[in-house]
Amino acid sequence: MKAIQIYDHSLCCSSGVCGVEDDQVLVSFAADVDWAKQQGASITRFNLAQQPLEFAQNAVVKGFLERSGQEALPLILVDGEMALAGRYPTRSELARWAGLAQPTLQPIRAGDCCSGGSCG
């Protein structure tokens, strides 16, 4: 199974549900990570404010931050290679990267609804 590493904004906390992103996006992402881990996925999250050495000691992450700055986080690596940057992955993306069966239902995320934000 592939290893997924998530390098988060400096404002995110260990629970993954605080920071500058839309709160519902972070809540949904934390649920997606929990789901993937329960299915056997290997996912590790790193926080810039709490684990700066993890960012500095990884050449891919360090180069990304030098080029794009921490505003471009989150950065997601799959087996050490950049897979996504600038947004959190969906449950389907996590499943695909981890080699899991695709989920049958996904939670509705902010912005996924009909135009204007109204589904009704």
PDB file of N, CA and C in Angstrom:
ATOM      1  N   MET A   1       0.839  -1.173   0.000  1.00  0.00           N
ATOM      2  CA  MET A   1       0.000   0.000   0.000  1.00  0.00           C
ATOM      3  C   MET A   1       0.888   1.242   0.000  1.00  0.00           C
ATOM      4  N   LYS A   2       0.479   2.238  -0.737  1.00  0.00           N
ATOM      5  CA  LYS A   2       1.265   3.456  -0.855  1.00  0.00           C
ATOM      6  C   LYS A   2       1.123   4.329   0.391  1.00  0.00           C
ATOM      7  N   ALA A   3       2.197   5.049   0.704  1.00  0.00           N
ATOM      8  CA  ALA A   3       2.200   5.960   1.842  1.00  0.00           C
ATOM      9  C   ALA A   3       1.783   7.349   1.383  1.00  0.00           C
ATOM     10  N   ILE A   4       0.824   7.922   2.077  1.00  0.00           N
ATOM     11  CA  ILE A   4       0.331   9.267   1.780  1.00  0.00           C
ATOM     12  C   ILE A   4       0.779  10.182   2.909  1.00  0.00           C
ATOM     13  N   GLN A   5       1.418  11.288   2.540  1.00  0.00           N
ATOM     14  CA  GLN A   5       1.863  12.275   3.516  1.00  0.00           C
ATOM     15  C   GLN A   5       1.203  13.602   3.196  1.00  0.00           C
ATOM     16  N   ILE A   6       0.656  14.226   4.226  1.00  0.00           N
ATOM     17  CA  ILE A   6      -0.053  15.493   4.066  1.00  0.00           C
ATOM     18  C   ILE A   6       0.688  16.546   4.875  1.00  0.00           C
ATOM     19  N   TYR A   7       1.126  17.587   4.212  1.00  0.00           N
ATOM     20  CA  TYR A   7       1.827  18.701   4.834  1.00  0.00           C
ATOM     21  C   TYR A   7       0.865  19.883   4.872  1.00  0.00           C
ATOM     22  N   ASP A   8       0.439  20.229   6.093  1.00  0.00           N
ATOM     23  CA  ASP A   8      -0.619  21.212   6.313  1.00  0.00           C
ATOM     24  C   ASP A   8      -0.113  22.618   6.566  1.00  0.00           C
ATOM     25  N   HIS A   9      -1.050  23.550   6.446  1.00  0.00           N
ATOM     26  CA  HIS A   9      -0.814  24.953   6.782  1.00  0.00           C
ATOM     27  C   HIS A   9      -0.331  25.089   8.216  1.00  0.00           C
ATOM     28  N   SER A  10       0.352  26.158   8.463  1.00  0.00           N
ATOM     29  CA  SER A  10       0.837  26.390   9.817  1.00  0.00           C
ATOM     30  C   SER A  10      -0.299  26.689  10.783  1.00  0.00           C
ATOM     31  N   LEU A  11      -1.462  27.075  10.278  1.00  0.00           N
ATOM     32  CA  LEU A  11      -2.572  27.405  11.161  1.00  0.00           C
ATOM     33  C   LEU A  11      -3.445  26.212  11.495  1.00  0.00           C
ATOM     34  N   CYS A  12      -3.183  25.060  10.875  1.00  0.00           N
ATOM     35  CA  CYS A  12      -3.982  23.874  11.173  1.00  0.00           C
ATOM     36  C   CYS A  12      -3.522  23.272  12.487  1.00  0.00           C
ATOM     37  N   CYS A  13      -4.455  22.725  13.214  1.00  0.00           N
ATOM     38  CA  CYS A  13      -4.091  22.082  14.467  1.00  0.00           C
ATOM     39  C   CYS A  13      -4.059  20.568  14.276  1.00  0.00           C
ATOM     40  N   SER A  14      -3.704  19.861  15.302  1.00  0.00           N
ATOM     41  CA  SER A  14      -3.521  18.416  15.174  1.00  0.00           C
ATOM     42  C   SER A  14      -4.805  17.695  14.799  1.00  0.00           C
ATOM     43  N   SER A  15      -5.963  18.250  15.173  1.00  0.00           N
ATOM     44  CA  SER A  15      -7.225  17.593  14.811  1.00  0.00           C
ATOM     45  C   SER A  15      -7.546  17.780  13.336  1.00  0.00           C
ATOM     46  N   GLY A  16      -6.928  18.779  12.700  1.00  0.00           N
ATOM     47  CA  GLY A  16      -7.173  19.017  11.284  1.00  0.00           C
ATOM     48  C   GLY A  16      -8.444  19.783  10.993  1.00  0.00           C
ATOM     49  N   VAL A  17      -9.061  20.361  12.013  1.00  0.00           N
ATOM     50  CA  VAL A  17     -10.320  21.060  11.772  1.00  0.00           C
ATOM     51  C   VAL A  17     -10.260  22.521  12.204  1.00  0.00           C
ATOM     52  N   CYS A  18      -9.126  23.163  12.055  1.00  0.00           N
ATOM     53  CA  CYS A  18      -9.049  24.590  12.315  1.00  0.00           C
ATOM     54  C   CYS A  18      -8.101  25.218  11.303  1.00  0.00           C
ATOM     55  N   GLY A  19      -8.175  26.523  11.156  1.00  0.00           N
ATOM     56  CA  GLY A  19      -7.270  27.190  10.233  1.00  0.00           C
ATOM     57  C   GLY A  19      -7.990  28.150   9.332  1.00  0.00           C
ATOM     58  N   VAL A  20      -7.336  28.501   8.224  1.00  0.00           N
ATOM     59  CA  VAL A  20      -7.862  29.519   7.340  1.00  0.00           C
ATOM     60  C   VAL A  20      -8.838  28.967   6.315  1.00  0.00           C
ATOM     61  N   GLU A  21      -8.877  27.665   6.115  1.00  0.00           N
ATOM     62  CA  GLU A  21      -9.785  27.055   5.157  1.00  0.00           C
ATOM     63  C   GLU A  21     -11.213  27.086   5.689  1.00  0.00           C
ATOM     64  N   ASP A  22     -12.161  26.921   4.790  1.00  0.00           N
ATOM     65  CA  ASP A  22     -13.549  26.784   5.189  1.00  0.00           C
ATOM     66  C   ASP A  22     -13.667  25.638   6.189  1.00  0.00           C
ATOM     67  N   ASP A  23     -14.306  25.888   7.334  1.00  0.00           N
ATOM     68  CA  ASP A  23     -14.393  24.877   8.395  1.00  0.00           C
ATOM     69  C   ASP A  23     -14.979  23.568   7.902  1.00  0.00           C
ATOM     70  N   GLN A  24     -16.015  23.620   7.048  1.00  0.00           N
ATOM     71  CA  GLN A  24     -16.638  22.385   6.577  1.00  0.00           C
ATOM     72  C   GLN A  24     -15.681  21.577   5.709  1.00  0.00           C
ATOM     73  N   VAL A  25     -14.838  22.240   4.940  1.00  0.00           N
ATOM     74  CA  VAL A  25     -13.846  21.539   4.127  1.00  0.00           C
ATOM     75  C   VAL A  25     -12.899  20.753   5.031  1.00  0.00           C
ATOM     76  N   LEU A  26     -12.448  21.390   6.107  1.00  0.00           N
ATOM     77  CA  LEU A  26     -11.525  20.715   7.024  1.00  0.00           C
ATOM     78  C   LEU A  26     -12.208  19.584   7.785  1.00  0.00           C
ATOM     79  N   VAL A  27     -13.459  19.784   8.178  1.00  0.00           N
ATOM     80  CA  VAL A  27     -14.202  18.719   8.860  1.00  0.00           C
ATOM     81  C   VAL A  27     -14.379  17.531   7.918  1.00  0.00           C
ATOM     82  N   SER A  28     -14.770  17.805   6.679  1.00  0.00           N
ATOM     83  CA  SER A  28     -14.945  16.732   5.691  1.00  0.00           C
ATOM     84  C   SER A  28     -13.639  16.014   5.416  1.00  0.00           C
ATOM     85  N   PHE A  29     -12.550  16.772   5.290  1.00  0.00           N
ATOM     86  CA  PHE A  29     -11.254  16.158   5.023  1.00  0.00           C
ATOM     87  C   PHE A  29     -10.818  15.268   6.188  1.00  0.00           C
ATOM     88  N   ALA A  30     -10.989  15.744   7.419  1.00  0.00           N
ATOM     89  CA  ALA A  30     -10.631  14.927   8.579  1.00  0.00           C
ATOM     90  C   ALA A  30     -11.431  13.624   8.578  1.00  0.00           C
ATOM     91  N   ALA A  31     -12.709  13.695   8.208  1.00  0.00           N
ATOM     92  CA  ALA A  31     -13.543  12.490   8.129  1.00  0.00           C
ATOM     93  C   ALA A  31     -13.048  11.566   7.018  1.00  0.00           C
ATOM     94  N   ASP A  32     -12.641  12.144   5.889  1.00  0.00           N
ATOM     95  CA  ASP A  32     -12.125  11.340   4.773  1.00  0.00           C
ATOM     96  C   ASP A  32     -10.830  10.628   5.164  1.00  0.00           C
ATOM     97  N   VAL A  33      -9.948  11.312   5.883  1.00  0.00           N
ATOM     98  CA  VAL A  33      -8.696  10.705   6.339  1.00  0.00           C
ATOM     99  C   VAL A  33      -9.005   9.568   7.310  1.00  0.00           C
ATOM    100  N   ASP A  34      -9.925   9.814   8.251  1.00  0.00           N
ATOM    101  CA  ASP A  34     -10.306   8.756   9.201  1.00  0.00           C
ATOM    102  C   ASP A  34     -10.870   7.544   8.466  1.00  0.00           C
ATOM    103  N   TRP A  35     -11.729   7.796   7.471  1.00  0.00           N
ATOM    104  CA  TRP A  35     -12.306   6.707   6.686  1.00  0.00           C
ATOM    105  C   TRP A  35     -11.202   5.896   5.996  1.00  0.00           C
ATOM    106  N   ALA A  36     -10.279   6.607   5.337  1.00  0.00           N
ATOM    107  CA  ALA A  36      -9.208   5.918   4.605  1.00  0.00           C
ATOM    108  C   ALA A  36      -8.325   5.110   5.549  1.00  0.00           C
ATOM    109  N   LYS A  37      -8.011   5.661   6.714  1.00  0.00           N
ATOM    110  CA  LYS A  37      -7.196   4.930   7.693  1.00  0.00           C
ATOM    111  C   LYS A  37      -7.929   3.683   8.177  1.00  0.00           C
ATOM    112  N   GLN A  38      -9.243   3.781   8.374  1.00  0.00           N
ATOM    113  CA  GLN A  38     -10.024   2.611   8.800  1.00  0.00           C
ATOM    114  C   GLN A  38     -10.028   1.524   7.733  1.00  0.00           C
ATOM    115  N   GLN A  39      -9.837   1.927   6.470  1.00  0.00           N
ATOM    116  CA  GLN A  39      -9.773   0.963   5.369  1.00  0.00           C
ATOM    117  C   GLN A  39      -8.366   0.399   5.193  1.00  0.00           C
ATOM    118  N   GLY A  40      -7.409   0.904   5.988  1.00  0.00           N
ATOM    119  CA  GLY A  40      -6.049   0.393   5.934  1.00  0.00           C
ATOM    120  C   GLY A  40      -5.033   1.310   5.279  1.00  0.00           C
ATOM    121  N   ALA A  41      -5.434   2.508   4.890  1.00  0.00           N
ATOM    122  CA  ALA A  41      -4.507   3.435   4.238  1.00  0.00           C
ATOM    123  C   ALA A  41      -3.434   3.919   5.218  1.00  0.00           C
ATOM    124  N   SER A  42      -2.246   4.137   4.684  1.00  0.00           N
ATOM    125  CA  SER A  42      -1.140   4.682   5.461  1.00  0.00           C
ATOM    126  C   SER A  42      -1.069   6.184   5.183  1.00  0.00           C
ATOM    127  N   ILE A  43      -1.594   6.980   6.128  1.00  0.00           N
ATOM    128  CA  ILE A  43      -1.651   8.434   5.964  1.00  0.00           C
ATOM    129  C   ILE A  43      -1.021   9.089   7.181  1.00  0.00           C
ATOM    130  N   THR A  44      -0.103  10.018   6.912  1.00  0.00           N
ATOM    131  CA  THR A  44       0.546  10.778   7.973  1.00  0.00           C
ATOM    132  C   THR A  44       0.369  12.256   7.666  1.00  0.00           C
ATOM    133  N   ARG A  45      -0.033  13.014   8.681  1.00  0.00           N
ATOM    134  CA  ARG A  45      -0.176  14.462   8.519  1.00  0.00           C
ATOM    135  C   ARG A  45       0.917  15.174   9.304  1.00  0.00           C
ATOM    136  N   PHE A  46       1.458  16.221   8.687  1.00  0.00           N
ATOM    137  CA  PHE A  46       2.484  17.037   9.326  1.00  0.00           C
ATOM    138  C   PHE A  46       1.997  18.477   9.370  1.00  0.00           C
ATOM    139  N   ASN A  47       2.287  19.152  10.476  1.00  0.00           N
ATOM    140  CA  ASN A  47       1.867  20.527  10.690  1.00  0.00           C
ATOM    141  C   ASN A  47       3.099  21.419  10.722  1.00  0.00           C
ATOM    142  N   LEU A  48       3.122  22.433   9.889  1.00  0.00           N
ATOM    143  CA  LEU A  48       4.294  23.300   9.778  1.00  0.00           C
ATOM    144  C   LEU A  48       4.640  23.969  11.106  1.00  0.00           C
ATOM    145  N   ALA A  49       3.642  24.424  11.850  1.00  0.00           N
ATOM    146  CA  ALA A  49       3.903  25.112  13.115  1.00  0.00           C
ATOM    147  C   ALA A  49       4.410  24.146  14.187  1.00  0.00           C
ATOM    148  N   GLN A  50       3.939  22.901  14.154  1.00  0.00           N
ATOM    149  CA  GLN A  50       4.287  21.951  15.203  1.00  0.00           C
ATOM    150  C   GLN A  50       5.435  21.016  14.821  1.00  0.00           C
ATOM    151  N   GLN A  51       5.656  20.810  13.515  1.00  0.00           N
ATOM    152  CA  GLN A  51       6.689  19.871  13.057  1.00  0.00           C
ATOM    153  C   GLN A  51       7.523  20.465  11.926  1.00  0.00           C
ATOM    154  N   PRO A  52       8.138  21.624  12.141  1.00  0.00           N
ATOM    155  CA  PRO A  52       8.869  22.284  11.051  1.00  0.00           C
ATOM    156  C   PRO A  52      10.024  21.462  10.488  1.00  0.00           C
ATOM    157  N   LEU A  53      10.644  20.607  11.304  1.00  0.00           N
ATOM    158  CA  LEU A  53      11.758  19.795  10.801  1.00  0.00           C
ATOM    159  C   LEU A  53      11.302  18.800   9.738  1.00  0.00           C
ATOM    160  N   GLU A  54      10.079  18.302   9.841  1.00  0.00           N
ATOM    161  CA  GLU A  54       9.543  17.385   8.826  1.00  0.00           C
ATOM    162  C   GLU A  54       9.491  18.076   7.462  1.00  0.00           C
ATOM    163  N   PHE A  55       9.209  19.368   7.458  1.00  0.00           N
ATOM    164  CA  PHE A  55       9.145  20.150   6.227  1.00  0.00           C
ATOM    165  C   PHE A  55      10.549  20.440   5.713  1.00  0.00           C
ATOM    166  N   ALA A  56      11.454  20.779   6.611  1.00  0.00           N
ATOM    167  CA  ALA A  56      12.813  21.158   6.222  1.00  0.00           C
ATOM    168  C   ALA A  56      13.649  19.960   5.781  1.00  0.00           C
ATOM    169  N   GLN A  57      13.382  18.771   6.331  1.00  0.00           N
ATOM    170  CA  GLN A  57      14.203  17.608   6.038  1.00  0.00           C
ATOM    171  C   GLN A  57      13.731  16.820   4.821  1.00  0.00           C
ATOM    172  N   ASN A  58      12.574  17.146   4.283  1.00  0.00           N
ATOM    173  CA  ASN A  58      12.070  16.462   3.092  1.00  0.00           C
ATOM    174  C   ASN A  58      12.381  17.341   1.879  1.00  0.00           C
ATOM    175  N   ALA A  59      13.215  16.875   0.988  1.00  0.00           N
ATOM    176  CA  ALA A  59      13.674  17.677  -0.150  1.00  0.00           C
ATOM    177  C   ALA A  59      12.520  18.124  -1.049  1.00  0.00           C
ATOM    178  N   VAL A  60      11.539  17.267  -1.272  1.00  0.00           N
ATOM    179  CA  VAL A  60      10.392  17.626  -2.117  1.00  0.00           C
ATOM    180  C   VAL A  60       9.598  18.756  -1.474  1.00  0.00           C
ATOM    181  N   VAL A  61       9.334  18.628  -0.191  1.00  0.00           N
ATOM    182  CA  VAL A  61       8.551  19.634   0.527  1.00  0.00           C
ATOM    183  C   VAL A  61       9.329  20.937   0.633  1.00  0.00           C
ATOM    184  N   LYS A  62      10.598  20.834   0.969  1.00  0.00           N
ATOM    185  CA  LYS A  62      11.440  22.038   1.093  1.00  0.00           C
ATOM    186  C   LYS A  62      11.490  22.794  -0.233  1.00  0.00           C
ATOM    187  N   GLY A  63      11.708  22.091  -1.337  1.00  0.00           N
ATOM    188  CA  GLY A  63      11.743  22.734  -2.651  1.00  0.00           C
ATOM    189  C   GLY A  63      10.411  23.374  -3.005  1.00  0.00           C
ATOM    190  N   PHE A  64       9.318  22.679  -2.691  1.00  0.00           N
ATOM    191  CA  PHE A  64       7.979  23.217  -2.948  1.00  0.00           C
ATOM    192  C   PHE A  64       7.773  24.522  -2.186  1.00  0.00           C
ATOM    193  N   LEU A  65       8.140  24.533  -0.895  1.00  0.00           N
ATOM    194  CA  LEU A  65       7.964  25.741  -0.090  1.00  0.00           C
ATOM    195  C   LEU A  65       8.848  26.880  -0.571  1.00  0.00           C
ATOM    196  N   GLU A  66      10.064  26.562  -1.018  1.00  0.00           N
ATOM    197  CA  GLU A  66      10.955  27.599  -1.545  1.00  0.00           C
ATOM    198  C   GLU A  66      10.382  28.223  -2.809  1.00  0.00           C
ATOM    199  N   ARG A  67       9.746  27.401  -3.655  1.00  0.00           N
ATOM    200  CA  ARG A  67       9.162  27.901  -4.905  1.00  0.00           C
ATOM    201  C   ARG A  67       7.821  28.591  -4.696  1.00  0.00           C
ATOM    202  N   SER A  68       6.974  27.999  -3.860  1.00  0.00           N
ATOM    203  CA  SER A  68       5.575  28.430  -3.797  1.00  0.00           C
ATOM    204  C   SER A  68       5.176  29.107  -2.497  1.00  0.00           C
ATOM    205  N   GLY A  69       5.929  28.911  -1.429  1.00  0.00           N
ATOM    206  CA  GLY A  69       5.590  29.496  -0.140  1.00  0.00           C
ATOM    207  C   GLY A  69       4.548  28.669   0.595  1.00  0.00           C
ATOM    208  N   GLN A  70       4.438  28.925   1.892  1.00  0.00           N
ATOM    209  CA  GLN A  70       3.515  28.138   2.708  1.00  0.00           C
ATOM    210  C   GLN A  70       2.056  28.421   2.387  1.00  0.00           C
ATOM    211  N   GLU A  71       1.776  29.525   1.692  1.00  0.00           N
ATOM    212  CA  GLU A  71       0.407  29.829   1.283  1.00  0.00           C
ATOM    213  C   GLU A  71      -0.122  28.791   0.298  1.00  0.00           C
ATOM    214  N   ALA A  72       0.779  28.070  -0.363  1.00  0.00           N
ATOM    215  CA  ALA A  72       0.382  27.065  -1.356  1.00  0.00           C
ATOM    216  C   ALA A  72       0.052  25.715  -0.719  1.00  0.00           C
ATOM    217  N   LEU A  73       0.257  25.586   0.594  1.00  0.00           N
ATOM    218  CA  LEU A  73      -0.110  24.348   1.278  1.00  0.00           C
ATOM    219  C   LEU A  73      -1.622  24.213   1.326  1.00  0.00           C
ATOM    220  N   PRO A  74      -2.147  23.030   1.446  1.00  0.00           N
ATOM    221  CA  PRO A  74      -1.490  21.783   1.776  1.00  0.00           C
ATOM    222  C   PRO A  74      -0.784  21.157   0.572  1.00  0.00           C
ATOM    223  N   LEU A  75       0.197  20.337   0.884  1.00  0.00           N
ATOM    224  CA  LEU A  75       0.934  19.559  -0.106  1.00  0.00           C
ATOM    225  C   LEU A  75       0.750  18.092   0.239  1.00  0.00           C
ATOM    226  N   ILE A  76       0.393  17.306  -0.754  1.00  0.00           N
ATOM    227  CA  ILE A  76       0.171  15.883  -0.538  1.00  0.00           C
ATOM    228  C   ILE A  76       1.183  15.101  -1.366  1.00  0.00           C
ATOM    229  N   LEU A  77       1.923  14.219  -0.695  1.00  0.00           N
ATOM    230  CA  LEU A  77       2.879  13.341  -1.358  1.00  0.00           C
ATOM    231  C   LEU A  77       2.348  11.914  -1.303  1.00  0.00           C
ATOM    232  N   VAL A  78       2.541  11.189  -2.388  1.00  0.00           N
ATOM    233  CA  VAL A  78       2.217   9.765  -2.427  1.00  0.00           C
ATOM    234  C   VAL A  78       3.518   9.042  -2.757  1.00  0.00           C
ATOM    235  N   ASP A  79       3.940   8.202  -1.832  1.00  0.00           N
ATOM    236  CA  ASP A  79       5.231   7.523  -1.941  1.00  0.00           C
ATOM    237  C   ASP A  79       6.363   8.506  -2.241  1.00  0.00           C
ATOM    238  N   GLY A  80       6.313   9.654  -1.590  1.00  0.00           N
ATOM    239  CA  GLY A  80       7.377  10.643  -1.694  1.00  0.00           C
ATOM    240  C   GLY A  80       7.309  11.568  -2.890  1.00  0.00           C
ATOM    241  N   GLU A  81       6.322  11.382  -3.762  1.00  0.00           N
ATOM    242  CA  GLU A  81       6.188  12.234  -4.945  1.00  0.00           C
ATOM    243  C   GLU A  81       4.960  13.130  -4.809  1.00  0.00           C
ATOM    244  N   MET A  82       5.096  14.371  -5.299  1.00  0.00           N
ATOM    245  CA  MET A  82       4.000  15.310  -5.198  1.00  0.00           C
ATOM    246  C   MET A  82       2.791  14.823  -6.002  1.00  0.00           C
ATOM    247  N   ALA A  83       1.648  14.743  -5.325  1.00  0.00           N
ATOM    248  CA  ALA A  83       0.413  14.307  -5.966  1.00  0.00           C
ATOM    249  C   ALA A  83      -0.602  15.436  -6.068  1.00  0.00           C
ATOM    250  N   LEU A  84      -0.553  16.389  -5.137  1.00  0.00           N
ATOM    251  CA  LEU A  84      -1.558  17.456  -5.099  1.00  0.00           C
ATOM    252  C   LEU A  84      -1.042  18.588  -4.232  1.00  0.00           C
ATOM    253  N   ALA A  85      -1.404  19.806  -4.601  1.00  0.00           N
ATOM    254  CA  ALA A  85      -1.040  20.968  -3.786  1.00  0.00           C
ATOM    255  C   ALA A  85      -2.143  22.013  -3.883  1.00  0.00           C
ATOM    256  N   GLY A  86      -2.282  22.786  -2.824  1.00  0.00           N
ATOM    257  CA  GLY A  86      -3.203  23.915  -2.837  1.00  0.00           C
ATOM    258  C   GLY A  86      -4.617  23.612  -2.376  1.00  0.00           C
ATOM    259  N   ARG A  87      -4.953  22.347  -2.209  1.00  0.00           N
ATOM    260  CA  ARG A  87      -6.273  21.962  -1.697  1.00  0.00           C
ATOM    261  C   ARG A  87      -6.154  20.575  -1.079  1.00  0.00           C
ATOM    262  N   TYR A  88      -7.146  20.237  -0.293  1.00  0.00           N
ATOM    263  CA  TYR A  88      -7.168  18.912   0.319  1.00  0.00           C
ATOM    264  C   TYR A  88      -7.774  17.917  -0.653  1.00  0.00           C
ATOM    265  N   PRO A  89      -7.284  16.686  -0.650  1.00  0.00           N
ATOM    266  CA  PRO A  89      -7.820  15.677  -1.572  1.00  0.00           C
ATOM    267  C   PRO A  89      -9.214  15.216  -1.153  1.00  0.00           C
ATOM    268  N   THR A  90      -9.938  14.696  -2.126  1.00  0.00           N
ATOM    269  CA  THR A  90     -11.243  14.112  -1.872  1.00  0.00           C
ATOM    270  C   THR A  90     -11.072  12.701  -1.329  1.00  0.00           C
ATOM    271  N   ARG A  91     -12.148  12.139  -0.849  1.00  0.00           N
ATOM    272  CA  ARG A  91     -12.136  10.754  -0.381  1.00  0.00           C
ATOM    273  C   ARG A  91     -11.770   9.818  -1.528  1.00  0.00           C
ATOM    274  N   SER A  92     -12.299  10.090  -2.720  1.00  0.00           N
ATOM    275  CA  SER A  92     -11.983   9.263  -3.892  1.00  0.00           C
ATOM    276  C   SER A  92     -10.499   9.324  -4.228  1.00  0.00           C
ATOM    277  N   GLU A  93      -9.898  10.496  -4.138  1.00  0.00           N
ATOM    278  CA  GLU A  93      -8.465  10.624  -4.419  1.00  0.00           C
ATOM    279  C   GLU A  93      -7.649   9.850  -3.389  1.00  0.00           C
ATOM    280  N   LEU A  94      -8.002   9.974  -2.122  1.00  0.00           N
ATOM    281  CA  LEU A  94      -7.296   9.214  -1.083  1.00  0.00           C
ATOM    282  C   LEU A  94      -7.402   7.722  -1.354  1.00  0.00           C
ATOM    283  N   ALA A  95      -8.612   7.269  -1.696  1.00  0.00           N
ATOM    284  CA  ALA A  95      -8.829   5.845  -1.969  1.00  0.00           C
ATOM    285  C   ALA A  95      -7.991   5.388  -3.155  1.00  0.00           C
ATOM    286  N   ARG A  96      -7.985   6.169  -4.232  1.00  0.00           N
ATOM    287  CA  ARG A  96      -7.221   5.795  -5.429  1.00  0.00           C
ATOM    288  C   ARG A  96      -5.735   5.703  -5.115  1.00  0.00           C
ATOM    289  N   TRP A  97      -5.203   6.713  -4.430  1.00  0.00           N
ATOM    290  CA  TRP A  97      -3.774   6.712  -4.109  1.00  0.00           C
ATOM    291  C   TRP A  97      -3.392   5.559  -3.201  1.00  0.00           C
ATOM    292  N   ALA A  98      -4.291   5.213  -2.269  1.00  0.00           N
ATOM    293  CA  ALA A  98      -3.995   4.146  -1.308  1.00  0.00           C
ATOM    294  C   ALA A  98      -4.294   2.762  -1.865  1.00  0.00           C
ATOM    295  N   GLY A  99      -4.902   2.693  -3.045  1.00  0.00           N
ATOM    296  CA  GLY A  99      -5.243   1.403  -3.625  1.00  0.00           C
ATOM    297  C   GLY A  99      -6.465   0.772  -2.979  1.00  0.00           C
ATOM    298  N   LEU A 100      -7.365   1.597  -2.477  1.00  0.00           N
ATOM    299  CA  LEU A 100      -8.591   1.121  -1.834  1.00  0.00           C
ATOM    300  C   LEU A 100      -9.731   1.099  -2.832  1.00  0.00           C
ATOM    301  N   ALA A 101     -10.759   0.332  -2.518  1.00  0.00           N
ATOM    302  CA  ALA A 101     -11.982   0.361  -3.326  1.00  0.00           C
ATOM    303  C   ALA A 101     -12.577   1.756  -3.229  1.00  0.00           C
ATOM    304  N   GLN A 102     -13.096   2.243  -4.336  1.00  0.00           N
ATOM    305  CA  GLN A 102     -13.695   3.573  -4.345  1.00  0.00           C
ATOM    306  C   GLN A 102     -14.925   3.610  -3.433  1.00  0.00           C
ATOM    307  N   PRO A 103     -15.069   4.682  -2.657  1.00  0.00           N
ATOM    308  CA  PRO A 103     -16.238   4.810  -1.794  1.00  0.00           C
ATOM    309  C   PRO A 103     -17.500   4.956  -2.628  1.00  0.00           C
ATOM    310  N   THR A 104     -18.608   4.448  -2.096  1.00  0.00           N
ATOM    311  CA  THR A 104     -19.870   4.533  -2.834  1.00  0.00           C
ATOM    312  C   THR A 104     -20.552   5.868  -2.623  1.00  0.00           C
ATOM    313  N   LEU A 105     -20.405   6.452  -1.456  1.00  0.00           N
ATOM    314  CA  LEU A 105     -21.002   7.753  -1.165  1.00  0.00           C
ATOM    315  C   LEU A 105     -19.924   8.679  -0.649  1.00  0.00           C
ATOM    316  N   GLN A 106     -19.995   9.930  -1.083  1.00  0.00           N
ATOM    317  CA  GLN A 106     -19.077  10.932  -0.575  1.00  0.00           C
ATOM    318  C   GLN A 106     -19.887  12.022   0.091  1.00  0.00           C
ATOM    319  N   PRO A 107     -19.359  12.595   1.173  1.00  0.00           N
ATOM    320  CA  PRO A 107     -20.065  13.711   1.797  1.00  0.00           C
ATOM    321  C   PRO A 107     -20.066  14.914   0.868  1.00  0.00           C
ATOM    322  N   ILE A 108     -21.116  15.703   0.938  1.00  0.00           N
ATOM    323  CA  ILE A 108     -21.180  16.934   0.155  1.00  0.00           C
ATOM    324  C   ILE A 108     -20.242  17.939   0.793  1.00  0.00           C
ATOM    325  N   ARG A 109     -19.397  18.533  -0.019  1.00  0.00           N
ATOM    326  CA  ARG A 109     -18.444  19.534   0.453  1.00  0.00           C
ATOM    327  C   ARG A 109     -18.947  20.911   0.061  1.00  0.00           C
ATOM    328  N   ALA A 110     -18.511  21.896   0.821  1.00  0.00           N
ATOM    329  CA  ALA A 110     -18.845  23.272   0.480  1.00  0.00           C
ATOM    330  C   ALA A 110     -18.368  23.569  -0.933  1.00  0.00           C
ATOM    331  N   GLY A 111     -19.225  24.147  -1.753  1.00  0.00           N
ATOM    332  CA  GLY A 111     -18.873  24.474  -3.125  1.00  0.00           C
ATOM    333  C   GLY A 111     -19.173  23.386  -4.115  1.00  0.00           C
ATOM    334  N   ASP A 112     -19.539  22.163  -3.641  1.00  0.00           N
ATOM    335  CA  ASP A 112     -19.855  21.072  -4.555  1.00  0.00           C
ATOM    336  C   ASP A 112     -21.306  21.109  -5.029  1.00  0.00           C
ATOM    337  N   CYS A 113     -22.066  21.981  -4.456  1.00  0.00           N
ATOM    338  CA  CYS A 113     -23.494  22.034  -4.740  1.00  0.00           C
ATOM    339  C   CYS A 113     -23.765  22.769  -6.058  1.00  0.00           C
ATOM    340  N   CYS A 114     -25.011  22.905  -6.347  1.00  0.00           N
ATOM    341  CA  CYS A 114     -25.435  23.601  -7.574  1.00  0.00           C
ATOM    342  C   CYS A 114     -24.935  25.040  -7.557  1.00  0.00           C
ATOM    343  N   SER A 115     -24.954  25.710  -8.697  1.00  0.00           N
ATOM    344  CA  SER A 115     -24.477  27.076  -8.769  1.00  0.00           C
ATOM    345  C   SER A 115     -25.246  27.950  -7.790  1.00  0.00           C
ATOM    346  N   GLY A 116     -24.552  28.880  -7.184  1.00  0.00           N
ATOM    347  CA  GLY A 116     -25.158  29.749  -6.203  1.00  0.00           C
ATOM    348  C   GLY A 116     -25.185  29.146  -4.813  1.00  0.00           C
ATOM    349  N   GLY A 117     -24.703  27.919  -4.660  1.00  0.00           N
ATOM    350  CA  GLY A 117     -24.626  27.292  -3.359  1.00  0.00           C
ATOM    351  C   GLY A 117     -25.952  26.724  -2.871  1.00  0.00           C
ATOM    352  N   SER A 118     -26.947  26.654  -3.741  1.00  0.00           N
ATOM    353  CA  SER A 118     -28.248  26.134  -3.330  1.00  0.00           C
ATOM    354  C   SER A 118     -28.564  24.874  -4.112  1.00  0.00           C
ATOM    355  N   CYS A 119     -28.800  23.781  -3.397  1.00  0.00           N
ATOM    356  CA  CYS A 119     -29.107  22.523  -4.038  1.00  0.00           C
ATOM    357  C   CYS A 119     -30.605  22.335  -4.240  1.00  0.00           C
ATOM    358  N   GLY A 120     -31.404  23.155  -3.612  1.00  0.00           N
ATOM    359  CA  GLY A 120     -32.841  22.926  -3.625  1.00  0.00           C
ATOM    360  C   GLY A 120     -33.512  23.654  -4.699  1.00  0.00           C
TER     361      GLY A 120
END
